[in-house]
Amino acid sequence: MKKLSKEELVKVNGGGISLGVGLLIGAGVIFIIGVIDGFMRPLKCN
């Protein structure tokens, strides 16, 4: 195992979910909830 210097530690990236991926997952969950809600409680358009 290699020890990293302070400069190398600052440059390390990874492990997190980016904003775009988080928004995409959230939009997918909301869409699926809306589809299920539409089947369970069909409402007429006014």
PDB file of N, CA and C in Angstrom:
ATOM      1  N   MET A   1       0.840  -1.164   0.000  1.00  0.00           N
ATOM      2  CA  MET A   1       0.000   0.000   0.000  1.00  0.00           C
ATOM      3  C   MET A   1       0.895   1.240   0.000  1.00  0.00           C
ATOM      4  N   LYS A   2       0.518   2.223  -0.802  1.00  0.00           N
ATOM      5  CA  LYS A   2       1.319   3.441  -0.935  1.00  0.00           C
ATOM      6  C   LYS A   2       0.714   4.557  -0.093  1.00  0.00           C
ATOM      7  N   LYS A   3       1.559   5.258   0.662  1.00  0.00           N
ATOM      8  CA  LYS A   3       1.098   6.418   1.416  1.00  0.00           C
ATOM      9  C   LYS A   3       1.035   7.619   0.482  1.00  0.00           C
ATOM     10  N   LEU A   4      -0.053   8.378   0.590  1.00  0.00           N
ATOM     11  CA  LEU A   4      -0.239   9.549  -0.266  1.00  0.00           C
ATOM     12  C   LEU A   4       0.171  10.817   0.470  1.00  0.00           C
ATOM     13  N   SER A   5       0.711  11.751  -0.278  1.00  0.00           N
ATOM     14  CA  SER A   5       1.057  13.048   0.308  1.00  0.00           C
ATOM     15  C   SER A   5      -0.209  13.898   0.410  1.00  0.00           C
ATOM     16  N   LYS A   6      -0.124  15.029   1.088  1.00  0.00           N
ATOM     17  CA  LYS A   6      -1.282  15.906   1.242  1.00  0.00           C
ATOM     18  C   LYS A   6      -1.790  16.392  -0.106  1.00  0.00           C
ATOM     19  N   GLU A   7      -0.875  16.694  -1.022  1.00  0.00           N
ATOM     20  CA  GLU A   7      -1.272  17.171  -2.350  1.00  0.00           C
ATOM     21  C   GLU A   7      -2.033  16.079  -3.115  1.00  0.00           C
ATOM     22  N   GLU A   8      -1.566  14.846  -2.999  1.00  0.00           N
ATOM     23  CA  GLU A   8      -2.236  13.737  -3.687  1.00  0.00           C
ATOM     24  C   GLU A   8      -3.604  13.452  -3.073  1.00  0.00           C
ATOM     25  N   LEU A   9      -3.728  13.591  -1.756  1.00  0.00           N
ATOM     26  CA  LEU A   9      -5.006  13.370  -1.098  1.00  0.00           C
ATOM     27  C   LEU A   9      -6.047  14.395  -1.530  1.00  0.00           C
ATOM     28  N   VAL A  10      -5.614  15.628  -1.751  1.00  0.00           N
ATOM     29  CA  VAL A  10      -6.543  16.675  -2.181  1.00  0.00           C
ATOM     30  C   VAL A  10      -7.079  16.381  -3.591  1.00  0.00           C
ATOM     31  N   LYS A  11      -6.268  15.750  -4.430  1.00  0.00           N
ATOM     32  CA  LYS A  11      -6.648  15.492  -5.815  1.00  0.00           C
ATOM     33  C   LYS A  11      -7.495  14.234  -6.015  1.00  0.00           C
ATOM     34  N   VAL A  12      -7.718  13.451  -4.945  1.00  0.00           N
ATOM     35  CA  VAL A  12      -8.467  12.198  -5.078  1.00  0.00           C
ATOM     36  C   VAL A  12      -9.945  12.504  -5.325  1.00  0.00           C
ATOM     37  N   ASN A  13     -10.528  11.872  -6.354  1.00  0.00           N
ATOM     38  CA  ASN A  13     -11.948  12.012  -6.687  1.00  0.00           C
ATOM     39  C   ASN A  13     -12.598  10.635  -6.649  1.00  0.00           C
ATOM     40  N   GLY A  14     -13.926  10.632  -6.509  1.00  0.00           N
ATOM     41  CA  GLY A  14     -14.660   9.376  -6.639  1.00  0.00           C
ATOM     42  C   GLY A  14     -15.501   9.041  -5.430  1.00  0.00           C
ATOM     43  N   GLY A  15     -16.389   8.079  -5.641  1.00  0.00           N
ATOM     44  CA  GLY A  15     -17.217   7.571  -4.565  1.00  0.00           C
ATOM     45  C   GLY A  15     -18.536   8.277  -4.395  1.00  0.00           C
ATOM     46  N   GLY A  16     -18.690   9.458  -4.921  1.00  0.00           N
ATOM     47  CA  GLY A  16     -19.926  10.193  -4.745  1.00  0.00           C
ATOM     48  C   GLY A  16     -20.833  10.085  -5.950  1.00  0.00           C
ATOM     49  N   ILE A  17     -22.107  10.380  -5.732  1.00  0.00           N
ATOM     50  CA  ILE A  17     -23.074  10.407  -6.832  1.00  0.00           C
ATOM     51  C   ILE A  17     -23.135  11.850  -7.331  1.00  0.00           C
ATOM     52  N   SER A  18     -22.980  12.027  -8.621  1.00  0.00           N
ATOM     53  CA  SER A  18     -23.019  13.375  -9.167  1.00  0.00           C
ATOM     54  C   SER A  18     -24.446  13.915  -9.136  1.00  0.00           C
ATOM     55  N   LEU A  19     -24.584  15.201  -9.303  1.00  0.00           N
ATOM     56  CA  LEU A  19     -25.886  15.862  -9.248  1.00  0.00           C
ATOM     57  C   LEU A  19     -26.808  15.339 -10.345  1.00  0.00           C
ATOM     58  N   GLY A  20     -26.292  15.152 -11.547  1.00  0.00           N
ATOM     59  CA  GLY A  20     -27.113  14.670 -12.654  1.00  0.00           C
ATOM     60  C   GLY A  20     -27.663  13.278 -12.411  1.00  0.00           C
ATOM     61  N   VAL A  21     -26.840  12.392 -11.875  1.00  0.00           N
ATOM     62  CA  VAL A  21     -27.288  11.022 -11.598  1.00  0.00           C
ATOM     63  C   VAL A  21     -28.349  11.044 -10.506  1.00  0.00           C
ATOM     64  N   GLY A  22     -28.160  11.850  -9.493  1.00  0.00           N
ATOM     65  CA  GLY A  22     -29.150  11.967  -8.418  1.00  0.00           C
ATOM     66  C   GLY A  22     -30.476  12.487  -8.920  1.00  0.00           C
ATOM     67  N   LEU A  23     -30.443  13.501  -9.792  1.00  0.00           N
ATOM     68  CA  LEU A  23     -31.680  14.037 -10.359  1.00  0.00           C
ATOM     69  C   LEU A  23     -32.366  13.019 -11.257  1.00  0.00           C
ATOM     70  N   LEU A  24     -31.598  12.265 -12.024  1.00  0.00           N
ATOM     71  CA  LEU A  24     -32.160  11.248 -12.905  1.00  0.00           C
ATOM     72  C   LEU A  24     -32.846  10.142 -12.098  1.00  0.00           C
ATOM     73  N   ILE A  25     -32.222   9.697 -11.040  1.00  0.00           N
ATOM     74  CA  ILE A  25     -32.828   8.673 -10.184  1.00  0.00           C
ATOM     75  C   ILE A  25     -34.105   9.217  -9.534  1.00  0.00           C
ATOM     76  N   GLY A  26     -34.059  10.436  -9.051  1.00  0.00           N
ATOM     77  CA  GLY A  26     -35.241  11.060  -8.440  1.00  0.00           C
ATOM     78  C   GLY A  26     -36.386  11.201  -9.422  1.00  0.00           C
ATOM     79  N   ALA A  27     -36.093  11.621 -10.649  1.00  0.00           N
ATOM     80  CA  ALA A  27     -37.138  11.767 -11.665  1.00  0.00           C
ATOM     81  C   ALA A  27     -37.747  10.413 -12.014  1.00  0.00           C
ATOM     82  N   GLY A  28     -36.926   9.378 -12.083  1.00  0.00           N
ATOM     83  CA  GLY A  28     -37.441   8.037 -12.375  1.00  0.00           C
ATOM     84  C   GLY A  28     -38.365   7.537 -11.284  1.00  0.00           C
ATOM     85  N   VAL A  29     -37.994   7.758 -10.038  1.00  0.00           N
ATOM     86  CA  VAL A  29     -38.836   7.330  -8.909  1.00  0.00           C
ATOM     87  C   VAL A  29     -40.164   8.077  -8.927  1.00  0.00           C
ATOM     88  N   ILE A  30     -40.135   9.377  -9.163  1.00  0.00           N
ATOM     89  CA  ILE A  30     -41.362  10.171  -9.212  1.00  0.00           C
ATOM     90  C   ILE A  30     -42.257   9.721 -10.364  1.00  0.00           C
ATOM     91  N   PHE A  31     -41.667   9.400 -11.507  1.00  0.00           N
ATOM     92  CA  PHE A  31     -42.443   8.925 -12.653  1.00  0.00           C
ATOM     93  C   PHE A  31     -43.137   7.602 -12.334  1.00  0.00           C
ATOM     94  N   ILE A  32     -42.401   6.671 -11.740  1.00  0.00           N
ATOM     95  CA  ILE A  32     -42.974   5.362 -11.404  1.00  0.00           C
ATOM     96  C   ILE A  32     -44.095   5.519 -10.372  1.00  0.00           C
ATOM     97  N   ILE A  33     -43.913   6.391  -9.388  1.00  0.00           N
ATOM     98  CA  ILE A  33     -44.965   6.641  -8.398  1.00  0.00           C
ATOM     99  C   ILE A  33     -46.201   7.217  -9.085  1.00  0.00           C
ATOM    100  N   GLY A  34     -46.011   8.108 -10.046  1.00  0.00           N
ATOM    101  CA  GLY A  34     -47.137   8.682 -10.777  1.00  0.00           C
ATOM    102  C   GLY A  34     -47.885   7.648 -11.598  1.00  0.00           C
ATOM    103  N   VAL A  35     -47.175   6.738 -12.237  1.00  0.00           N
ATOM    104  CA  VAL A  35     -47.820   5.678 -13.021  1.00  0.00           C
ATOM    105  C   VAL A  35     -48.632   4.767 -12.109  1.00  0.00           C
ATOM    106  N   ILE A  36     -48.058   4.361 -10.987  1.00  0.00           N
ATOM    107  CA  ILE A  36     -48.779   3.497 -10.045  1.00  0.00           C
ATOM    108  C   ILE A  36     -50.005   4.222  -9.497  1.00  0.00           C
ATOM    109  N   ASP A  37     -49.868   5.489  -9.161  1.00  0.00           N
ATOM    110  CA  ASP A  37     -50.985   6.277  -8.651  1.00  0.00           C
ATOM    111  C   ASP A  37     -52.083   6.399  -9.707  1.00  0.00           C
ATOM    112  N   GLY A  38     -51.718   6.534 -10.979  1.00  0.00           N
ATOM    113  CA  GLY A  38     -52.696   6.618 -12.052  1.00  0.00           C
ATOM    114  C   GLY A  38     -53.488   5.336 -12.224  1.00  0.00           C
ATOM    115  N   PHE A  39     -52.868   4.193 -11.996  1.00  0.00           N
ATOM    116  CA  PHE A  39     -53.593   2.927 -12.078  1.00  0.00           C
ATOM    117  C   PHE A  39     -54.480   2.711 -10.851  1.00  0.00           C
ATOM    118  N   MET A  40     -54.011   3.122  -9.701  1.00  0.00           N
ATOM    119  CA  MET A  40     -54.768   2.886  -8.463  1.00  0.00           C
ATOM    120  C   MET A  40     -55.934   3.850  -8.308  1.00  0.00           C
ATOM    121  N   ARG A  41     -55.749   5.101  -8.690  1.00  0.00           N
ATOM    122  CA  ARG A  41     -56.795   6.118  -8.542  1.00  0.00           C
ATOM    123  C   ARG A  41     -57.006   6.853  -9.858  1.00  0.00           C
ATOM    124  N   PRO A  42     -57.643   6.229 -10.839  1.00  0.00           N
ATOM    125  CA  PRO A  42     -57.865   6.937 -12.107  1.00  0.00           C
ATOM    126  C   PRO A  42     -58.853   8.077 -11.917  1.00  0.00           C
ATOM    127  N   LEU A  43     -58.456   9.264 -12.278  1.00  0.00           N
ATOM    128  CA  LEU A  43     -59.302  10.459 -12.132  1.00  0.00           C
ATOM    129  C   LEU A  43     -59.639  11.007 -13.518  1.00  0.00           C
ATOM    130  N   LYS A  44     -60.842  11.534 -13.658  1.00  0.00           N
ATOM    131  CA  LYS A  44     -61.258  12.137 -14.929  1.00  0.00           C
ATOM    132  C   LYS A  44     -60.592  13.504 -15.102  1.00  0.00           C
ATOM    133  N   CYS A  45     -60.351  13.868 -16.336  1.00  0.00           N
ATOM    134  CA  CYS A  45     -59.885  15.213 -16.636  1.00  0.00           C
ATOM    135  C   CYS A  45     -61.089  16.145 -16.642  1.00  0.00           C
ATOM    136  N   ASN A  46     -60.916  17.341 -16.116  1.00  0.00           N
ATOM    137  CA  ASN A  46     -62.034  18.302 -16.091  1.00  0.00           C
ATOM    138  C   ASN A  46     -62.091  19.090 -17.369  1.00  0.00           C
TER     139      ASN A  46
END
